[in-house]
C-alpha atoms as a PDB file:
ATOM      1  CA  UNK A   1       3.742 -12.894 -18.154  1.00  0.00           C
ATOM      2  CA  UNK A   2       2.900  -9.957 -15.670  1.00  0.00           C
ATOM      3  CA  UNK A   3       5.960  -7.616 -14.343  1.00  0.00           C
ATOM      4  CA  UNK A   4       5.451  -5.739 -11.178  1.00  0.00           C
ATOM      5  CA  UNK A   5       7.802  -2.627  -9.995  1.00  0.00           C
ATOM      6  CA  UNK A   6       7.891  -1.854  -6.543  1.00  0.00           C
ATOM      7  CA  UNK A   7       9.719   1.318  -5.373  1.00  0.00           C
ATOM      8  CA  UNK A   8      11.414   2.566  -2.178  1.00  0.00           C
ATOM      9  CA  UNK A   9      11.099   6.035  -2.474  1.00  0.00           C
ATOM     10  CA  UNK A  10      13.246   8.902  -0.321  1.00  0.00           C
ATOM     11  CA  UNK A  11      13.256  12.359  -0.654  1.00  0.00           C
ATOM     12  CA  UNK A  12      16.817  12.033  -3.136  1.00  0.00           C
ATOM     13  CA  UNK A  13      16.967   8.684  -4.210  1.00  0.00           C
ATOM     14  CA  UNK A  14      14.656   5.907  -5.033  1.00  0.00           C
ATOM     15  CA  UNK A  15      15.570   1.790  -5.323  1.00  0.00           C
ATOM     16  CA  UNK A  16      13.491   0.037  -7.743  1.00  0.00           C
ATOM     17  CA  UNK A  17      13.253  -3.605  -8.429  1.00  0.00           C
ATOM     18  CA  UNK A  18      11.315  -5.395 -10.821  1.00  0.00           C
ATOM     19  CA  UNK A  19       9.676  -9.089 -10.326  1.00  0.00           C
ATOM     20  CA  UNK A  20       7.599 -11.117 -12.758  1.00  0.00           C
ATOM     21  CA  UNK A  21       4.228 -12.879 -11.652  1.00  0.00           C
ATOM     22  CA  UNK A  22       6.204 -15.856 -10.077  1.00  0.00           C
ATOM     23  CA  UNK A  23       8.444 -13.889  -7.894  1.00  0.00           C
ATOM     24  CA  UNK A  24      11.667 -13.715  -9.821  1.00  0.00           C
ATOM     25  CA  UNK A  25      13.628 -10.694  -9.254  1.00  0.00           C
ATOM     26  CA  UNK A  26      14.795  -9.236 -12.996  1.00  0.00           C
ATOM     27  CA  UNK A  27      15.642  -5.758 -12.234  1.00  0.00           C
ATOM     28  CA  UNK A  28      17.150  -3.645  -9.286  1.00  0.00           C
ATOM     29  CA  UNK A  29      18.580  -0.391  -9.535  1.00  0.00           C
ATOM     30  CA  UNK A  30      19.295   3.004  -7.630  1.00  0.00           C
ATOM     31  CA  UNK A  31      17.921   5.944  -8.992  1.00  0.00           C
ATOM     32  CA  UNK A  32      17.337   9.672  -8.484  1.00  0.00           C
ATOM     33  CA  UNK A  33      13.902  10.192  -6.944  1.00  0.00           C
ATOM     34  CA  UNK A  34      12.294  12.202 -10.332  1.00  0.00           C
ATOM     35  CA  UNK A  35       9.710  10.615 -12.200  1.00  0.00           C
ATOM     36  CA  UNK A  36      11.791  10.973 -15.456  1.00  0.00           C
ATOM     37  CA  UNK A  37      14.511   8.959 -14.509  1.00  0.00           C
ATOM     38  CA  UNK A  38      12.094   6.481 -12.875  1.00  0.00           C
ATOM     39  CA  UNK A  39      10.018   6.323 -16.104  1.00  0.00           C
ATOM     40  CA  UNK A  40      12.901   5.669 -18.423  1.00  0.00           C
ATOM     41  CA  UNK A  41      14.510   2.950 -16.283  1.00  0.00           C
ATOM     42  CA  UNK A  42      11.076   1.071 -16.600  1.00  0.00           C
ATOM     43  CA  UNK A  43      10.802   1.858 -20.434  1.00  0.00           C
ATOM     44  CA  UNK A  44      14.069   0.616 -20.761  1.00  0.00           C
ATOM     45  CA  UNK A  45      13.055  -2.588 -19.225  1.00  0.00           C
ATOM     46  CA  UNK A  46      12.469  -4.860 -22.152  1.00  0.00           C
ATOM     47  CA  UNK A  47       8.896  -5.998 -21.109  1.00  0.00           C
ATOM     48  CA  UNK A  48       5.739  -4.046 -20.122  1.00  0.00           C
ATOM     49  CA  UNK A  49       5.268  -3.392 -16.376  1.00  0.00           C
ATOM     50  CA  UNK A  50       2.237  -4.297 -15.284  1.00  0.00           C
ATOM     51  CA  UNK A  51       1.832  -2.137 -11.990  1.00  0.00           C
ATOM     52  CA  UNK A  52       4.276   0.074 -10.049  1.00  0.00           C
ATOM     53  CA  UNK A  53       4.064   0.410  -6.507  1.00  0.00           C
ATOM     54  CA  UNK A  54       5.247   2.224  -3.577  1.00  0.00           C
ATOM     55  CA  UNK A  55       4.365   3.001   0.351  1.00  0.00           C
ATOM     56  CA  UNK A  56       2.359   6.618   0.781  1.00  0.00           C
ATOM     57  CA  UNK A  57       5.134   9.290   1.733  1.00  0.00           C
ATOM     58  CA  UNK A  58       6.116  12.452   1.305  1.00  0.00           C
ATOM     59  CA  UNK A  59       6.845  11.924  -2.517  1.00  0.00           C
ATOM     60  CA  UNK A  60       3.424   9.743  -3.121  1.00  0.00           C
ATOM     61  CA  UNK A  61       1.460  12.829  -5.219  1.00  0.00           C
ATOM     62  CA  UNK A  62       4.317  13.658  -7.038  1.00  0.00           C
ATOM     63  CA  UNK A  63       5.085  10.338  -8.380  1.00  0.00           C
ATOM     64  CA  UNK A  64       1.726   8.857  -8.401  1.00  0.00           C
ATOM     65  CA  UNK A  65       0.644  11.729 -11.121  1.00  0.00           C
ATOM     66  CA  UNK A  66       3.749  11.652 -12.777  1.00  0.00           C
ATOM     67  CA  UNK A  67       3.968   8.263 -13.208  1.00  0.00           C
ATOM     68  CA  UNK A  68       0.278   8.185 -14.326  1.00  0.00           C
ATOM     69  CA  UNK A  69       0.845  10.665 -17.098  1.00  0.00           C
ATOM     70  CA  UNK A  70       3.605   8.369 -18.331  1.00  0.00           C
ATOM     71  CA  UNK A  71       1.027   5.577 -18.580  1.00  0.00           C
ATOM     72  CA  UNK A  72       2.002   3.305 -15.898  1.00  0.00           C
ATOM     73  CA  UNK A  73      -0.959   1.676 -13.550  1.00  0.00           C
ATOM     74  CA  UNK A  74       0.314   3.180 -10.225  1.00  0.00           C
ATOM     75  CA  UNK A  75      -0.684   1.932  -6.687  1.00  0.00           C
ATOM     76  CA  UNK A  76       0.030   3.986  -3.382  1.00  0.00           C
ATOM     77  CA  UNK A  77       0.084   1.561  -0.653  1.00  0.00           C
ATOM     78  CA  UNK A  78      -0.847   2.224   3.015  1.00  0.00           C
ATOM     79  CA  UNK A  79       2.899   2.316   4.858  1.00  0.00           C
ATOM     80  CA  UNK A  80       1.656   0.483   7.804  1.00  0.00           C
ATOM     81  CA  UNK A  81       0.749  -2.845   6.087  1.00  0.00           C
ATOM     82  CA  UNK A  82       4.104  -2.575   4.039  1.00  0.00           C
ATOM     83  CA  UNK A  83       5.737  -1.917   7.080  1.00  0.00           C
ATOM     84  CA  UNK A  84       4.164  -5.104   8.695  1.00  0.00           C
ATOM     85  CA  UNK A  85       4.942  -7.106   5.622  1.00  0.00           C
ATOM     86  CA  UNK A  86       8.784  -5.877   5.640  1.00  0.00           C
ATOM     87  CA  UNK A  87       9.285  -5.963   9.344  1.00  0.00           C
ATOM     88  CA  UNK A  88      10.069  -9.999   8.999  1.00  0.00           C
ATOM     89  CA  UNK A  89      12.891  -9.233   6.414  1.00  0.00           C
ATOM     90  CA  UNK A  90      16.571  -9.564   7.985  1.00  0.00           C
ATOM     91  CA  UNK A  91      18.580  -6.807   6.390  1.00  0.00           C
ATOM     92  CA  UNK A  92      16.449  -3.453   5.972  1.00  0.00           C
ATOM     93  CA  UNK A  93      18.476  -1.792   3.074  1.00  0.00           C
ATOM     94  CA  UNK A  94      16.567   0.303   0.288  1.00  0.00           C
ATOM     95  CA  UNK A  95      17.204  -2.460  -2.356  1.00  0.00           C
ATOM     96  CA  UNK A  96      15.645  -5.012   0.007  1.00  0.00           C
ATOM     97  CA  UNK A  97      12.555  -2.897   0.856  1.00  0.00           C
ATOM     98  CA  UNK A  98      12.283  -2.200  -3.000  1.00  0.00           C
ATOM     99  CA  UNK A  99      12.220  -6.030  -3.496  1.00  0.00           C
ATOM    100  CA  UNK A 100       9.502  -6.657  -0.458  1.00  0.00           C
ATOM    101  CA  UNK A 101       7.407  -4.074  -1.992  1.00  0.00           C
ATOM    102  CA  UNK A 102       7.011  -5.605  -5.238  1.00  0.00           C
ATOM    103  CA  UNK A 103       6.470  -8.945  -3.988  1.00  0.00           C
ATOM    104  CA  UNK A 104       3.495  -7.244  -1.983  1.00  0.00           C
ATOM    105  CA  UNK A 105       2.404  -5.738  -4.942  1.00  0.00           C
ATOM    106  CA  UNK A 106       2.717  -9.012  -6.786  1.00  0.00           C
ATOM    107  CA  UNK A 107       0.286 -10.851  -4.208  1.00  0.00           C
ATOM    108  CA  UNK A 108      -1.990  -8.077  -3.473  1.00  0.00           C
ATOM    109  CA  UNK A 109      -1.916  -8.122   0.075  1.00  0.00           C
ATOM    110  CA  UNK A 110      -2.044  -4.153   0.276  1.00  0.00           C
ATOM    111  CA  UNK A 111      -4.874  -1.729   0.653  1.00  0.00           C
ATOM    112  CA  UNK A 112      -4.871   0.952  -2.276  1.00  0.00           C
ATOM    113  CA  UNK A 113      -5.000   4.402  -0.942  1.00  0.00           C
ATOM    114  CA  UNK A 114      -6.550   7.221  -2.722  1.00  0.00           C
ATOM    115  CA  UNK A 115      -4.401  10.297  -3.696  1.00  0.00           C
ATOM    116  CA  UNK A 116      -5.634  13.582  -3.203  1.00  0.00           C
ATOM    117  CA  UNK A 117      -5.385  15.614  -6.919  1.00  0.00           C
ATOM    118  CA  UNK A 118      -2.929  18.248  -8.346  1.00  0.00           C
ATOM    119  CA  UNK A 119      -5.755  20.633  -7.766  1.00  0.00           C
ATOM    120  CA  UNK A 120      -6.349  20.390  -4.080  1.00  0.00           C
ATOM    121  CA  UNK A 121      -2.793  20.634  -3.438  1.00  0.00           C
ATOM    122  CA  UNK A 122      -2.260  23.725  -5.855  1.00  0.00           C
ATOM    123  CA  UNK A 123      -5.577  25.514  -5.711  1.00  0.00           C
ATOM    124  CA  UNK A 124      -5.424  28.751  -3.662  1.00  0.00           C
ATOM    125  CA  UNK A 125      -7.164  28.500  -0.217  1.00  0.00           C
ATOM    126  CA  UNK A 126      -9.933  30.910  -0.868  1.00  0.00           C
ATOM    127  CA  UNK A 127     -11.240  28.978  -3.962  1.00  0.00           C
ATOM    128  CA  UNK A 128     -11.204  25.842  -2.041  1.00  0.00           C
ATOM    129  CA  UNK A 129     -13.112  27.412   1.239  1.00  0.00           C
ATOM    130  CA  UNK A 130     -15.630  28.715  -1.729  1.00  0.00           C
ATOM    131  CA  UNK A 131     -15.973  25.575  -2.893  1.00  0.00           C
ATOM    132  CA  UNK A 132     -16.452  23.817   0.280  1.00  0.00           C
ATOM    133  CA  UNK A 133     -19.092  26.232   1.681  1.00  0.00           C
ATOM    134  CA  UNK A 134     -21.044  26.108  -1.822  1.00  0.00           C
ATOM    135  CA  UNK A 135     -21.086  22.278  -1.302  1.00  0.00           C
ATOM    136  CA  UNK A 136     -22.266  22.714   2.367  1.00  0.00           C
ATOM    137  CA  UNK A 137     -24.816  25.093   1.492  1.00  0.00           C
ATOM    138  CA  UNK A 138     -26.382  22.845  -1.065  1.00  0.00           C
ATOM    139  CA  UNK A 139     -25.839  19.986   1.417  1.00  0.00           C
ATOM    140  CA  UNK A 140     -28.335  22.160   4.017  1.00  0.00           C
ATOM    141  CA  UNK A 141     -30.655  23.479   1.472  1.00  0.00           C
ATOM    142  CA  UNK A 142     -31.486  19.728   0.260  1.00  0.00           C
ATOM    143  CA  UNK A 143     -31.538  18.517   3.922  1.00  0.00           C
ATOM    144  CA  UNK A 144     -34.242  21.489   4.762  1.00  0.00           C
ATOM    145  CA  UNK A 145     -36.072  20.682   1.653  1.00  0.00           C
ATOM    146  CA  UNK A 146     -36.588  16.967   2.864  1.00  0.00           C
ATOM    147  CA  UNK A 147     -37.611  18.368   6.456  1.00  0.00           C
ATOM    148  CA  UNK A 148     -40.123  20.620   5.027  1.00  0.00           C
ATOM    149  CA  UNK A 149     -41.587  18.408   2.681  1.00  0.00           C
ATOM    150  CA  UNK A 150     -42.563  15.819   5.470  1.00  0.00           C
ATOM    151  CA  UNK A 151     -41.031  12.975   3.922  1.00  0.00           C
ATOM    152  CA  UNK A 152     -42.091   9.566   5.238  1.00  0.00           C
ATOM    153  CA  UNK A 153     -39.225   6.960   6.643  1.00  0.00           C
ATOM    154  CA  UNK A 154     -39.452   3.539   4.821  1.00  0.00           C
ATOM    155  CA  UNK A 155     -39.853   1.449   7.967  1.00  0.00           C
ATOM    156  CA  UNK A 156     -42.731   1.108   9.920  1.00  0.00           C
ATOM    157  CA  UNK A 157     -41.385   2.495  12.993  1.00  0.00           C
ATOM    158  CA  UNK A 158     -41.834   6.504  14.101  1.00  0.00           C
ATOM    159  CA  UNK A 159     -38.650   8.128  13.438  1.00  0.00           C
ATOM    160  CA  UNK A 160     -37.933  11.567  14.633  1.00  0.00           C
ATOM    161  CA  UNK A 161     -37.935  14.216  11.812  1.00  0.00           C
ATOM    162  CA  UNK A 162     -34.635  15.646  11.089  1.00  0.00           C
ATOM    163  CA  UNK A 163     -34.163  19.411  12.181  1.00  0.00           C
ATOM    164  CA  UNK A 164     -33.731  22.278   9.958  1.00  0.00           C
ATOM    165  CA  UNK A 165     -30.105  23.237   9.299  1.00  0.00           C
ATOM    166  CA  UNK A 166     -28.658  25.783  11.724  1.00  0.00           C
ATOM    167  CA  UNK A 167     -25.697  28.066  10.940  1.00  0.00           C
ATOM    168  CA  UNK A 168     -24.415  28.709  14.265  1.00  0.00           C
ATOM    169  CA  UNK A 169     -20.599  28.917  14.849  1.00  0.00           C
ATOM    170  CA  UNK A 170     -19.717  26.721  17.764  1.00  0.00           C
ATOM    171  CA  UNK A 171     -16.922  27.855  19.787  1.00  0.00           C
ATOM    172  CA  UNK A 172     -14.973  25.751  22.206  1.00  0.00           C
ATOM    173  CA  UNK A 173     -13.575  27.177  25.201  1.00  0.00           C
ATOM    174  CA  UNK A 174     -10.279  25.534  26.735  1.00  0.00           C
ATOM    175  CA  UNK A 175      -9.756  25.815  30.570  1.00  0.00           C
ATOM    176  CA  UNK A 176      -6.315  26.067  31.948  1.00  0.00           C
ATOM    177  CA  UNK A 177      -4.946  22.360  32.915  1.00  0.00           C
ATOM    178  CA  UNK A 178      -4.378  22.073  36.398  1.00  0.00           C
ATOM    179  CA  UNK A 179      -0.708  20.401  36.861  1.00  0.00           C
ATOM    180  CA  UNK A 180      -1.017  17.605  39.868  1.00  0.00           C
ATOM    181  CA  UNK A 181       0.032  18.143  43.382  1.00  0.00           C
ATOM    182  CA  UNK A 182       3.019  17.242  44.724  1.00  0.00           C
ATOM    183  CA  UNK A 183       0.945  14.958  47.084  1.00  0.00           C
ATOM    184  CA  UNK A 184      -0.037  13.011  43.686  1.00  0.00           C
ATOM    185  CA  UNK A 185       3.280  12.494  42.796  1.00  0.00           C
ATOM    186  CA  UNK A 186       5.608  10.964  45.562  1.00  0.00           C
ATOM    187  CA  UNK A 187       8.618  11.004  43.408  1.00  0.00           C
ATOM    188  CA  UNK A 188       8.792  14.869  43.191  1.00  0.00           C
ATOM    189  CA  UNK A 189       8.584  15.195  46.783  1.00  0.00           C
ATOM    190  CA  UNK A 190      12.188  15.804  48.521  1.00  0.00           C
ATOM    191  CA  UNK A 191      13.438  12.640  50.503  1.00  0.00           C
ATOM    192  CA  UNK A 192      13.032  12.577  53.985  1.00  0.00           C
ATOM    193  CA  UNK A 193      16.250  12.520  55.896  1.00  0.00           C
ATOM    194  CA  UNK A 194      15.915  10.884  59.379  1.00  0.00           C
END
Protein backbone atom coordinates (compact mmCIF):
# COMPACT_ATOMS: atom_id res chain seq x y z
CA UNK A 1 0.00 0.00 0.00
CA UNK A 2 1.21 3.49 -0.81
CA UNK A 3 1.28 6.36 1.69
CA UNK A 4 1.14 10.07 0.87
CA UNK A 5 2.03 13.03 3.09
CA UNK A 6 0.43 16.43 2.59
CA UNK A 7 2.01 19.52 4.14
CA UNK A 8 0.26 22.81 4.77
CA UNK A 9 3.21 25.16 5.18
CA UNK A 10 3.40 28.56 6.81
CA UNK A 11 6.51 30.45 7.87
CA UNK A 12 6.71 29.10 11.42
CA UNK A 13 4.55 25.99 11.55
CA UNK A 14 3.60 23.13 9.31
CA UNK A 15 0.59 20.83 9.47
CA UNK A 16 1.27 17.32 8.20
CA UNK A 17 -1.24 14.64 7.24
CA UNK A 18 -0.48 11.13 5.98
CA UNK A 19 -3.10 9.13 4.07
CA UNK A 20 -2.98 5.71 2.46
CA UNK A 21 -3.92 4.84 -1.12
CA UNK A 22 -7.57 4.37 -0.08
CA UNK A 23 -7.75 7.87 1.43
CA UNK A 24 -7.79 6.85 5.09
CA UNK A 25 -6.09 9.39 7.35
CA UNK A 26 -3.35 7.74 9.42
CA UNK A 27 -1.37 10.63 10.94
CA UNK A 28 -2.00 14.29 11.69
CA UNK A 29 0.54 16.54 13.36
CA UNK A 30 1.46 20.19 13.80
CA UNK A 31 5.23 20.76 13.57
CA UNK A 32 7.71 23.62 13.33
CA UNK A 33 8.49 24.36 9.68
CA UNK A 34 11.97 22.81 9.68
CA UNK A 35 13.16 20.09 7.32
CA UNK A 36 14.72 18.09 10.16
CA UNK A 37 11.46 18.04 12.18
CA UNK A 38 9.37 17.03 9.16
CA UNK A 39 11.84 14.32 8.13
CA UNK A 40 11.95 12.98 11.70
CA UNK A 41 8.14 12.82 11.86
CA UNK A 42 7.95 11.01 8.51
CA UNK A 43 10.73 8.59 9.48
CA UNK A 44 8.91 7.69 12.71
CA UNK A 45 5.81 6.78 10.68
CA UNK A 46 5.67 2.95 10.63
CA UNK A 47 5.36 2.68 6.82
CA UNK A 48 7.51 4.25 4.07
CA UNK A 49 5.96 7.40 2.65
CA UNK A 50 5.66 7.24 -1.15
CA UNK A 51 5.38 10.97 -1.88
CA UNK A 52 5.36 14.26 0.01
CA UNK A 53 3.48 17.23 -1.40
CA UNK A 54 2.83 20.87 -0.59
CA UNK A 55 1.58 23.89 -2.47
CA UNK A 56 4.01 26.46 -3.87
CA UNK A 57 4.88 29.29 -1.52
CA UNK A 58 7.67 31.13 0.23
CA UNK A 59 9.19 28.00 1.80
CA UNK A 60 8.99 25.86 -1.35
CA UNK A 61 12.67 25.78 -2.32
CA UNK A 62 13.86 25.19 1.23
CA UNK A 63 11.47 22.28 1.85
CA UNK A 64 11.75 20.82 -1.65
CA UNK A 65 15.52 20.42 -1.64
CA UNK A 66 15.72 19.63 2.07
CA UNK A 67 13.22 16.77 1.86
CA UNK A 68 14.78 15.52 -1.37
CA UNK A 69 18.13 15.38 0.41
CA UNK A 70 16.45 13.26 3.10
CA UNK A 71 15.41 10.78 0.38
CA UNK A 72 11.73 11.63 -0.17
CA UNK A 73 9.95 12.02 -3.50
CA UNK A 74 8.69 15.61 -3.24
CA UNK A 75 5.99 17.33 -5.32
CA UNK A 76 5.50 21.09 -5.32
CA UNK A 77 1.93 21.72 -6.47
CA UNK A 78 0.47 24.75 -8.20
CA UNK A 79 -1.23 26.89 -5.56
CA UNK A 80 -4.23 27.83 -7.70
CA UNK A 81 -5.14 24.21 -8.36
CA UNK A 82 -4.78 23.27 -4.70
CA UNK A 83 -6.82 26.31 -3.69
CA UNK A 84 -9.57 25.29 -6.14
CA UNK A 85 -9.60 21.76 -4.72
CA UNK A 86 -9.69 23.00 -1.12
CA UNK A 87 -12.31 25.70 -1.73
CA UNK A 88 -15.15 23.19 -1.29
CA UNK A 89 -14.07 22.40 2.28
CA UNK A 90 -16.25 23.76 5.01
CA UNK A 91 -13.73 24.52 7.78
CA UNK A 92 -10.50 26.01 6.49
CA UNK A 93 -7.84 25.18 9.07
CA UNK A 94 -4.21 24.13 8.69
CA UNK A 95 -5.02 20.52 9.58
CA UNK A 96 -7.88 20.35 7.10
CA UNK A 97 -5.73 21.95 4.41
CA UNK A 98 -2.99 19.36 5.02
CA UNK A 99 -5.60 16.60 4.76
CA UNK A 100 -6.90 18.08 1.48
CA UNK A 101 -3.37 18.43 0.07
CA UNK A 102 -2.67 14.78 0.92
CA UNK A 103 -5.87 13.74 -0.89
CA UNK A 104 -4.96 15.85 -3.95
CA UNK A 105 -1.50 14.25 -3.91
CA UNK A 106 -3.05 10.78 -3.66
CA UNK A 107 -5.44 11.33 -6.58
CA UNK A 108 -2.84 13.07 -8.77
CA UNK A 109 -5.13 16.01 -9.69
CA UNK A 110 -2.41 18.64 -9.72
CA UNK A 111 0.34 20.11 -11.87
CA UNK A 112 3.86 19.54 -10.67
CA UNK A 113 5.83 22.78 -10.57
CA UNK A 114 9.54 22.95 -11.33
CA UNK A 115 11.53 24.38 -8.43
CA UNK A 116 14.56 26.61 -9.06
CA UNK A 117 17.84 25.14 -7.93
CA UNK A 118 19.82 26.37 -4.95
CA UNK A 119 22.53 27.49 -7.36
CA UNK A 120 20.21 30.02 -8.97
CA UNK A 121 19.13 31.25 -5.54
CA UNK A 122 22.60 31.58 -4.02
CA UNK A 123 24.85 32.41 -6.98
CA UNK A 124 26.21 35.96 -7.17
CA UNK A 125 24.33 38.11 -9.69
CA UNK A 126 27.51 38.85 -11.67
CA UNK A 127 28.01 35.13 -12.30
CA UNK A 128 24.40 34.67 -13.36
CA UNK A 129 24.68 37.63 -15.76
CA UNK A 130 27.82 36.13 -17.27
CA UNK A 131 26.18 32.73 -17.72
CA UNK A 132 23.10 34.22 -19.38
CA UNK A 133 25.19 36.47 -21.66
CA UNK A 134 27.37 33.50 -22.69
CA UNK A 135 24.21 31.53 -23.47
CA UNK A 136 22.80 34.42 -25.51
CA UNK A 137 26.10 34.78 -27.38
CA UNK A 138 26.14 31.08 -28.29
CA UNK A 139 22.51 31.23 -29.43
CA UNK A 140 23.12 34.34 -31.55
CA UNK A 141 26.25 32.76 -33.01
CA UNK A 142 24.27 29.64 -33.98
CA UNK A 143 21.57 31.78 -35.61
CA UNK A 144 24.20 33.70 -37.59
CA UNK A 145 25.80 30.47 -38.82
CA UNK A 146 22.38 29.14 -39.83
CA UNK A 147 21.58 32.33 -41.74
CA UNK A 148 24.96 32.66 -43.44
CA UNK A 149 25.05 29.01 -44.54
CA UNK A 150 21.79 29.51 -46.48
CA UNK A 151 20.06 26.49 -45.00
CA UNK A 152 16.83 25.46 -46.69
CA UNK A 153 13.45 25.21 -45.00
CA UNK A 154 11.81 21.79 -44.81
CA UNK A 155 8.57 22.86 -46.51
CA UNK A 156 8.09 23.62 -50.18
CA UNK A 157 6.90 27.15 -49.41
CA UNK A 158 9.46 29.89 -49.56
CA UNK A 159 10.11 31.41 -46.17
CA UNK A 160 11.80 34.64 -45.32
CA UNK A 161 15.38 34.04 -44.17
CA UNK A 162 16.19 34.72 -40.55
CA UNK A 163 18.06 38.01 -40.25
CA UNK A 164 21.50 38.02 -38.66
CA UNK A 165 21.56 38.80 -34.95
CA UNK A 166 21.80 42.40 -33.93
CA UNK A 167 23.09 43.60 -30.62
CA UNK A 168 21.12 46.76 -30.14
CA UNK A 169 20.01 48.22 -26.88
CA UNK A 170 16.34 49.02 -27.09
CA UNK A 171 15.23 51.79 -24.79
CA UNK A 172 11.60 52.38 -24.05
CA UNK A 173 10.62 55.91 -23.19
CA UNK A 174 7.51 56.30 -21.10
CA UNK A 175 5.39 59.37 -21.53
CA UNK A 176 3.67 60.97 -18.62
CA UNK A 177 0.14 59.81 -18.18
CA UNK A 178 -2.53 62.46 -18.37
CA UNK A 179 -5.16 62.46 -15.68
CA UNK A 180 -8.76 62.51 -16.89
CA UNK A 181 -10.43 65.87 -17.02
CA UNK A 182 -13.17 66.82 -14.58
CA UNK A 183 -15.67 66.80 -17.42
CA UNK A 184 -14.95 63.11 -18.00
CA UNK A 185 -15.73 62.26 -14.39
CA UNK A 186 -19.07 63.82 -13.38
CA UNK A 187 -18.76 62.62 -9.78
CA UNK A 188 -15.71 64.86 -9.32
CA UNK A 189 -17.66 67.97 -10.13
CA UNK A 190 -19.07 70.06 -7.33
CA UNK A 191 -22.85 69.68 -6.99
CA UNK A 192 -24.86 72.36 -8.68
CA UNK A 193 -26.79 74.35 -6.11
CA UNK A 194 -30.15 75.75 -7.22
